[in-house]
Amino acid sequence: MDLLIYLWFTLVALSLIVLIWDLTTHTPTGTVMKVAWILVVAYTGPIGFALFWKSCRQPKGIAHDVFIRDHWRQATGSLLHCVAGDATGIIIAAAVVYHFGLPNGIDLVIEYLAAFVVGLFVFQALFMIKMFQGDYWLAVRKTFFAETVSMNMVMLGMFPSMLLLKLIIPNADSPYNAEFWFLMSMATIVGMATAYPINSWMVRRGLKHGMMSAMPKGDHQTAHGGEHQHQGHEHDKHQQMHMEMHQQEDEHMKHDENGHMHEHEDMPTRDHAHAEHKHGSHGEMVSHGAHSGHQAKSLPTAQIYGIILGTFALLIIAVALTSLAVPISFSR
């Protein structure tokens, strides 16, 4: 076990070195995505790095914002924001509560709350605040639904993994031991797997942002054509999206009249969308996450509450089943 753990952290260190070098010299992704990738690769090592290589690293002969348009890459970008914040909150909380000797049930509650705070108030709202014209609390409100259901699905994988792995890995309770960090790495990998489907669905429905790009000027070209061909494609895409914006706004007005609640995370205004598209055509900041699915950008209130309660129910069931092998207590 010791050899496996040391090998794992060697691979984590190498993955981080190559990742940071690539992010600073080659792949033009946005600052938020850079932070998310660094944290996720720190937690998941070669697994996260392989995901970066396939989903985000810019290949030769194709512009980065074109490369990341595939739905699964956009969904991966959405997943990264969630996992980076939630796993960070859980790991910090787990390292702190160890010193208080609390029952494991209370530990789980504290870790859940910490993940929610870091995930929503930092990685969703704070890092996305520019997309809401600098209104932080609007960003919190608009990202609440996406963060809650995504976090619940991360926990669905992480909590049972953490509890069960403590039975297998000795000395994994203490943050002063390498075993603790190895356990957290394995649990985060499982959490990524369980959270991907809901993030894919939200990106497809336009309820959550996806992968981001920060193309340098003059770097927009594809492997099958020159810069003019790519810009022509961008122009057509922007015209289509501009028309869709009109249609979506009309739909939102009708929904409002029926009393529906909306979740338009990263849903720009028409002027904001036009500005963002204009920036993209000149090779500057480009974000496709809110538009990747070209689907409805709102959900009825009943469906929103139903999905939130459904993810809570799945999480509770998973923890309850895990308690059959690892008893969970809220008192000494």
Protein backbone atom coordinates (compact mmCIF):
# COMPACT_ATOMS: atom_id res chain seq x y z
CA MET A 1 0.00 0.00 0.00
CA ASP A 2 2.82 2.43 0.85
CA LEU A 3 4.46 1.83 -2.52
CA LEU A 4 1.15 2.42 -4.32
CA ILE A 5 0.57 5.67 -2.45
CA TYR A 6 4.06 7.02 -3.14
CA LEU A 7 3.76 6.06 -6.81
CA TRP A 8 0.41 7.83 -6.96
CA PHE A 9 1.72 11.09 -5.54
CA THR A 10 4.73 10.96 -7.84
CA LEU A 11 2.33 10.79 -10.78
CA VAL A 12 0.26 13.61 -9.26
CA ALA A 13 3.36 15.83 -9.03
CA LEU A 14 4.41 15.08 -12.60
CA SER A 15 0.88 15.69 -13.86
CA LEU A 16 0.74 19.07 -12.12
CA ILE A 17 4.10 20.14 -13.50
CA VAL A 18 3.15 19.34 -17.09
CA LEU A 19 -0.35 20.81 -16.65
CA ILE A 20 0.85 24.14 -15.28
CA TRP A 21 3.51 24.39 -17.98
CA ASP A 22 0.91 23.74 -20.67
CA LEU A 23 -1.64 26.17 -19.23
CA THR A 24 0.92 28.96 -19.05
CA THR A 25 2.53 28.38 -22.44
CA HIS A 26 0.12 26.61 -24.77
CA THR A 27 -3.57 26.04 -24.07
CA PRO A 28 -5.53 29.32 -24.08
CA THR A 29 -8.24 28.48 -21.56
CA GLY A 30 -9.77 31.04 -19.21
CA THR A 31 -8.50 31.87 -15.73
CA VAL A 32 -11.41 30.11 -14.03
CA MET A 33 -10.74 26.94 -15.97
CA LYS A 34 -7.02 27.12 -15.19
CA VAL A 35 -7.71 27.25 -11.46
CA ALA A 36 -10.23 24.43 -11.75
CA TRP A 37 -7.86 22.21 -13.75
CA ILE A 38 -4.99 22.75 -11.31
CA LEU A 39 -7.15 21.84 -8.32
CA VAL A 40 -8.77 18.83 -9.97
CA VAL A 41 -5.46 17.44 -11.22
CA ALA A 42 -3.99 17.97 -7.73
CA TYR A 43 -6.82 15.78 -6.42
CA THR A 44 -7.07 13.23 -9.22
CA GLY A 45 -3.51 13.13 -10.61
CA PRO A 46 -3.02 11.26 -13.91
CA ILE A 47 -6.77 10.63 -14.24
CA GLY A 48 -7.53 14.34 -14.23
CA PHE A 49 -4.54 15.08 -16.43
CA ALA A 50 -5.67 12.54 -19.03
CA LEU A 51 -9.09 14.21 -19.01
CA PHE A 52 -7.43 17.60 -19.53
CA TRP A 53 -5.38 16.26 -22.42
CA LYS A 54 -8.41 14.88 -24.23
CA SER A 55 -10.95 17.59 -23.47
CA CYS A 56 -9.11 20.89 -23.15
CA ARG A 57 -5.50 20.88 -24.37
CA GLN A 58 -5.35 22.69 -27.69
CA PRO A 59 -4.35 20.38 -30.56
CA LYS A 60 -2.36 21.45 -33.58
CA GLY A 61 -4.19 22.96 -36.51
CA ILE A 62 -7.49 23.81 -34.79
CA ALA A 63 -8.53 26.81 -32.71
CA HIS A 64 -9.17 26.10 -29.06
CA ASP A 65 -12.68 27.54 -29.01
CA VAL A 66 -13.57 25.28 -31.94
CA PHE A 67 -12.00 22.22 -30.32
CA ILE A 68 -13.95 22.56 -27.07
CA ARG A 69 -17.37 22.89 -28.72
CA ASP A 70 -18.11 19.17 -28.56
CA HIS A 71 -20.80 18.55 -25.99
CA TRP A 72 -18.78 16.16 -23.86
CA ARG A 73 -15.97 18.71 -23.60
CA GLN A 74 -18.43 21.42 -22.59
CA ALA A 75 -19.90 19.03 -20.01
CA THR A 76 -16.40 18.33 -18.72
CA GLY A 77 -15.83 22.04 -18.22
CA SER A 78 -19.06 22.26 -16.23
CA LEU A 79 -17.98 19.26 -14.16
CA LEU A 80 -14.59 20.84 -13.44
CA HIS A 81 -16.12 23.91 -11.80
CA CYS A 82 -18.24 21.76 -9.54
CA VAL A 83 -15.60 19.22 -8.55
CA ALA A 84 -12.92 21.86 -7.93
CA GLY A 85 -15.11 23.72 -5.44
CA ASP A 86 -16.87 20.81 -3.80
CA ALA A 87 -13.82 18.60 -3.37
CA THR A 88 -11.86 21.55 -1.98
CA GLY A 89 -14.58 22.21 0.60
CA ILE A 90 -14.80 18.55 1.61
CA ILE A 91 -11.04 18.08 1.92
CA ILE A 92 -10.56 21.25 3.99
CA ALA A 93 -13.47 20.33 6.27
CA ALA A 94 -12.28 16.72 6.67
CA ALA A 95 -8.80 17.92 7.61
CA VAL A 96 -10.25 20.30 10.22
CA VAL A 97 -12.92 18.12 11.84
CA TYR A 98 -10.37 15.36 12.43
CA HIS A 99 -9.00 17.41 15.32
CA PHE A 100 -12.36 17.52 17.14
CA GLY A 101 -13.05 13.80 17.28
CA LEU A 102 -16.69 14.18 16.24
CA PRO A 103 -19.01 11.29 15.29
CA ASN A 104 -18.72 10.46 11.61
CA GLY A 105 -22.31 11.53 10.89
CA ILE A 106 -21.59 15.06 12.11
CA ASP A 107 -18.35 15.02 10.10
CA LEU A 108 -20.36 14.31 6.95
CA VAL A 109 -22.78 17.16 7.65
CA ILE A 110 -19.94 19.64 8.18
CA GLU A 111 -18.16 18.44 5.06
CA TYR A 112 -21.35 18.78 3.04
CA LEU A 113 -21.89 22.36 4.22
CA ALA A 114 -18.26 23.26 3.56
CA ALA A 115 -18.49 21.86 0.03
CA PHE A 116 -21.67 23.83 -0.59
CA VAL A 117 -20.15 27.09 0.64
CA VAL A 118 -16.95 26.76 -1.38
CA GLY A 119 -18.73 25.38 -4.45
CA LEU A 120 -21.50 27.99 -4.62
CA PHE A 121 -19.99 31.15 -3.15
CA VAL A 122 -16.57 30.78 -4.77
CA PHE A 123 -16.44 28.52 -7.79
CA GLN A 124 -19.92 29.21 -9.12
CA ALA A 125 -20.88 32.72 -8.03
CA LEU A 126 -17.58 34.52 -7.45
CA PHE A 127 -15.83 33.20 -10.54
CA MET A 128 -18.92 33.74 -12.71
CA ILE A 129 -19.75 37.21 -11.42
CA LYS A 130 -18.63 38.96 -14.64
CA MET A 131 -21.34 37.10 -16.54
CA PHE A 132 -23.91 38.77 -14.28
CA GLN A 133 -22.64 42.32 -14.74
CA GLY A 134 -20.75 42.28 -11.43
CA ASP A 135 -23.83 41.49 -9.32
CA TYR A 136 -22.49 38.87 -6.87
CA TRP A 137 -25.79 37.99 -5.19
CA LEU A 138 -27.51 37.67 -8.54
CA ALA A 139 -24.76 35.22 -9.49
CA VAL A 140 -25.40 33.28 -6.27
CA ARG A 141 -29.12 33.10 -6.96
CA LYS A 142 -28.74 32.12 -10.60
CA THR A 143 -26.19 29.39 -9.89
CA PHE A 144 -27.90 27.94 -6.82
CA PHE A 145 -29.87 25.25 -8.64
CA ALA A 146 -26.97 24.06 -10.80
CA GLU A 147 -24.54 23.97 -7.88
CA THR A 148 -26.94 22.16 -5.55
CA VAL A 149 -27.82 19.29 -7.86
CA SER A 150 -24.27 18.96 -9.19
CA MET A 151 -22.81 18.94 -5.68
CA ASN A 152 -25.28 16.32 -4.50
CA MET A 153 -24.12 14.05 -7.30
CA VAL A 154 -20.46 14.64 -6.40
CA MET A 155 -21.30 13.68 -2.81
CA LEU A 156 -23.13 10.62 -4.09
CA GLY A 157 -19.74 9.27 -5.14
CA MET A 158 -17.44 10.84 -2.57
CA PHE A 159 -19.18 10.11 0.74
CA PRO A 160 -19.62 6.34 0.31
CA SER A 161 -16.08 6.10 -1.11
CA MET A 162 -14.60 7.98 1.83
CA LEU A 163 -16.41 5.82 4.39
CA LEU A 164 -15.63 2.51 2.70
CA LEU A 165 -12.00 3.27 1.92
CA LYS A 166 -11.34 4.02 5.58
CA LEU A 167 -12.07 0.34 6.22
CA ILE A 168 -9.40 -0.67 3.70
CA ILE A 169 -6.71 1.98 4.15
CA PRO A 170 -5.19 2.18 7.66
CA ASN A 171 -4.43 5.61 9.17
CA ALA A 172 -6.55 7.39 6.54
CA ASP A 173 -8.38 9.53 9.11
CA SER A 174 -5.48 11.88 9.83
CA PRO A 175 -4.55 14.68 7.41
CA TYR A 176 -0.98 14.29 8.67
CA ASN A 177 -0.76 10.94 6.89
CA ALA A 178 -0.32 10.38 3.15
CA GLU A 179 -3.10 7.79 3.33
CA PHE A 180 -5.64 10.56 4.05
CA TRP A 181 -4.76 12.43 0.86
CA PHE A 182 -4.72 9.24 -1.19
CA LEU A 183 -8.21 8.39 0.09
CA MET A 184 -9.44 11.87 -0.84
CA SER A 185 -7.97 11.47 -4.32
CA MET A 186 -9.77 8.20 -4.90
CA ALA A 187 -13.05 9.57 -3.53
CA THR A 188 -12.82 12.64 -5.78
CA ILE A 189 -12.35 10.44 -8.86
CA VAL A 190 -15.52 8.53 -7.95
CA GLY A 191 -17.35 11.81 -7.33
CA MET A 192 -16.39 13.06 -10.78
CA ALA A 193 -17.86 9.93 -12.35
CA THR A 194 -21.18 10.21 -10.51
CA ALA A 195 -21.52 13.96 -11.21
CA TYR A 196 -20.78 13.90 -14.95
CA PRO A 197 -24.28 12.83 -16.13
CA ILE A 198 -26.14 15.65 -14.37
CA ASN A 199 -23.59 18.22 -15.62
CA SER A 200 -23.93 16.88 -19.15
CA TRP A 201 -27.70 17.22 -18.91
CA MET A 202 -27.54 20.77 -17.54
CA VAL A 203 -25.12 21.93 -20.22
CA ARG A 204 -27.30 20.38 -22.92
CA ARG A 205 -30.31 22.23 -21.52
CA GLY A 206 -28.38 25.50 -21.24
CA LEU A 207 -28.72 25.56 -17.45
CA LYS A 208 -24.99 25.59 -16.72
CA HIS A 209 -21.85 26.97 -18.34
CA GLY A 210 -19.24 24.69 -19.86
CA MET A 211 -15.63 24.85 -20.99
CA MET A 212 -14.09 28.27 -21.59
CA SER A 213 -11.45 29.55 -23.97
CA ALA A 214 -9.27 32.64 -24.12
CA MET A 215 -8.03 32.72 -27.68
CA PRO A 216 -5.15 35.07 -28.50
CA LYS A 217 -5.70 37.48 -31.38
CA GLY A 218 -4.99 36.02 -34.79
CA ASP A 219 -5.07 32.43 -33.52
CA HIS A 220 -8.48 31.43 -34.89
CA GLN A 221 -7.98 28.77 -37.55
CA THR A 222 -9.08 25.20 -38.16
CA ALA A 223 -7.30 22.11 -39.39
CA HIS A 224 -9.38 22.03 -42.59
CA GLY A 225 -9.36 25.62 -43.65
CA GLY A 226 -7.85 29.05 -43.19
CA GLU A 227 -8.75 31.89 -40.91
CA HIS A 228 -11.35 33.28 -43.28
CA GLN A 229 -13.22 29.99 -43.36
CA HIS A 230 -13.27 29.83 -39.58
CA GLN A 231 -14.42 33.43 -39.23
CA GLY A 232 -17.16 32.75 -41.77
CA HIS A 233 -18.29 29.82 -39.68
CA GLU A 234 -18.19 32.00 -36.57
CA HIS A 235 -20.23 34.69 -38.31
CA ASP A 236 -22.93 32.18 -39.29
CA LYS A 237 -22.93 30.74 -35.78
CA HIS A 238 -23.27 34.18 -34.22
CA GLN A 239 -26.16 35.07 -36.51
CA GLN A 240 -27.93 31.85 -35.60
CA MET A 241 -27.35 32.41 -31.88
CA HIS A 242 -28.53 36.02 -32.18
CA MET A 243 -31.81 34.80 -33.69
CA GLU A 244 -32.10 32.17 -30.96
CA MET A 245 -31.69 34.88 -28.33
CA HIS A 246 -34.79 36.65 -29.66
CA GLN A 247 -36.76 33.40 -29.59
CA GLN A 248 -35.56 32.52 -26.08
CA GLU A 249 -36.45 35.94 -24.70
CA ASP A 250 -39.96 35.56 -26.11
CA GLU A 251 -40.23 32.14 -24.48
CA HIS A 252 -39.06 33.54 -21.13
CA MET A 253 -41.68 36.28 -21.31
CA LYS A 254 -44.38 33.67 -21.86
CA HIS A 255 -43.04 31.55 -19.00
CA ASP A 256 -43.02 34.55 -16.69
CA GLU A 257 -46.69 35.13 -17.43
CA ASN A 258 -47.39 31.56 -16.32
CA GLY A 259 -45.52 32.02 -13.04
CA HIS A 260 -42.61 29.75 -13.83
CA MET A 261 -39.28 30.01 -12.08
CA HIS A 262 -36.17 30.30 -14.28
CA GLU A 263 -32.58 29.22 -13.98
CA HIS A 264 -30.59 30.92 -16.74
CA GLU A 265 -27.10 30.45 -15.44
CA ASP A 266 -24.69 32.46 -17.56
CA MET A 267 -27.62 33.52 -19.73
CA PRO A 268 -26.39 36.81 -21.22
CA THR A 269 -28.54 39.70 -22.30
CA ARG A 270 -28.81 40.35 -26.00
CA ASP A 271 -26.22 43.12 -25.83
CA HIS A 272 -23.92 41.03 -23.67
CA ALA A 273 -24.23 38.10 -26.07
CA HIS A 274 -23.45 40.33 -29.03
CA ALA A 275 -20.38 41.71 -27.26
CA GLU A 276 -19.19 38.23 -26.36
CA HIS A 277 -19.62 37.06 -29.95
CA LYS A 278 -17.77 40.09 -31.21
CA HIS A 279 -14.88 39.32 -28.90
CA GLY A 280 -14.85 35.76 -30.16
CA SER A 281 -14.55 36.86 -33.78
CA HIS A 282 -11.44 38.85 -32.92
CA GLY A 283 -9.85 35.99 -31.06
CA GLU A 284 -10.35 37.13 -27.50
CA MET A 285 -12.35 35.65 -24.60
CA VAL A 286 -14.82 33.04 -25.82
CA SER A 287 -17.25 31.00 -23.75
CA HIS A 288 -19.59 28.47 -25.31
CA GLY A 289 -20.95 26.81 -22.19
CA ALA A 290 -24.29 28.57 -21.98
CA HIS A 291 -25.07 27.95 -25.64
CA SER A 292 -23.70 24.51 -26.33
CA GLY A 293 -27.03 22.72 -26.29
CA HIS A 294 -29.27 25.37 -27.98
CA GLN A 295 -32.11 24.08 -25.79
CA ALA A 296 -34.55 25.68 -23.36
CA LYS A 297 -32.89 27.89 -20.74
CA SER A 298 -35.57 27.55 -18.08
CA LEU A 299 -37.34 24.96 -15.98
CA PRO A 300 -40.75 25.05 -14.30
CA THR A 301 -40.65 25.53 -10.54
CA ALA A 302 -41.99 22.06 -9.83
CA GLN A 303 -39.29 20.46 -11.95
CA ILE A 304 -36.55 22.47 -10.23
CA TYR A 305 -37.68 21.38 -6.78
CA GLY A 306 -38.23 17.85 -8.00
CA ILE A 307 -34.67 17.54 -9.32
CA ILE A 308 -33.16 19.05 -6.17
CA LEU A 309 -35.15 16.70 -3.92
CA GLY A 310 -34.37 13.78 -6.22
CA THR A 311 -30.61 14.32 -5.94
CA PHE A 312 -30.92 14.70 -2.16
CA ALA A 313 -32.84 11.42 -2.04
CA LEU A 314 -30.17 9.62 -4.08
CA LEU A 315 -27.47 10.95 -1.76
CA ILE A 316 -29.36 9.88 1.38
CA ILE A 317 -30.00 6.41 -0.05
CA ALA A 318 -26.32 6.00 -0.97
CA VAL A 319 -25.17 7.00 2.52
CA ALA A 320 -27.81 4.79 4.15
CA LEU A 321 -26.66 1.78 2.15
CA THR A 322 -23.04 2.55 3.01
CA SER A 323 -23.98 2.65 6.69
CA LEU A 324 -24.74 -1.07 6.48
CA ALA A 325 -20.99 -1.63 6.15
CA VAL A 326 -19.76 1.47 8.02
CA PRO A 327 -22.12 2.47 10.84
CA ILE A 328 -22.87 6.20 10.82
CA SER A 329 -23.51 7.87 14.15
CA PHE A 330 -24.49 11.38 15.23
CA SER A 331 -23.66 10.87 18.89
CA ARG A 332 -20.86 9.27 20.85
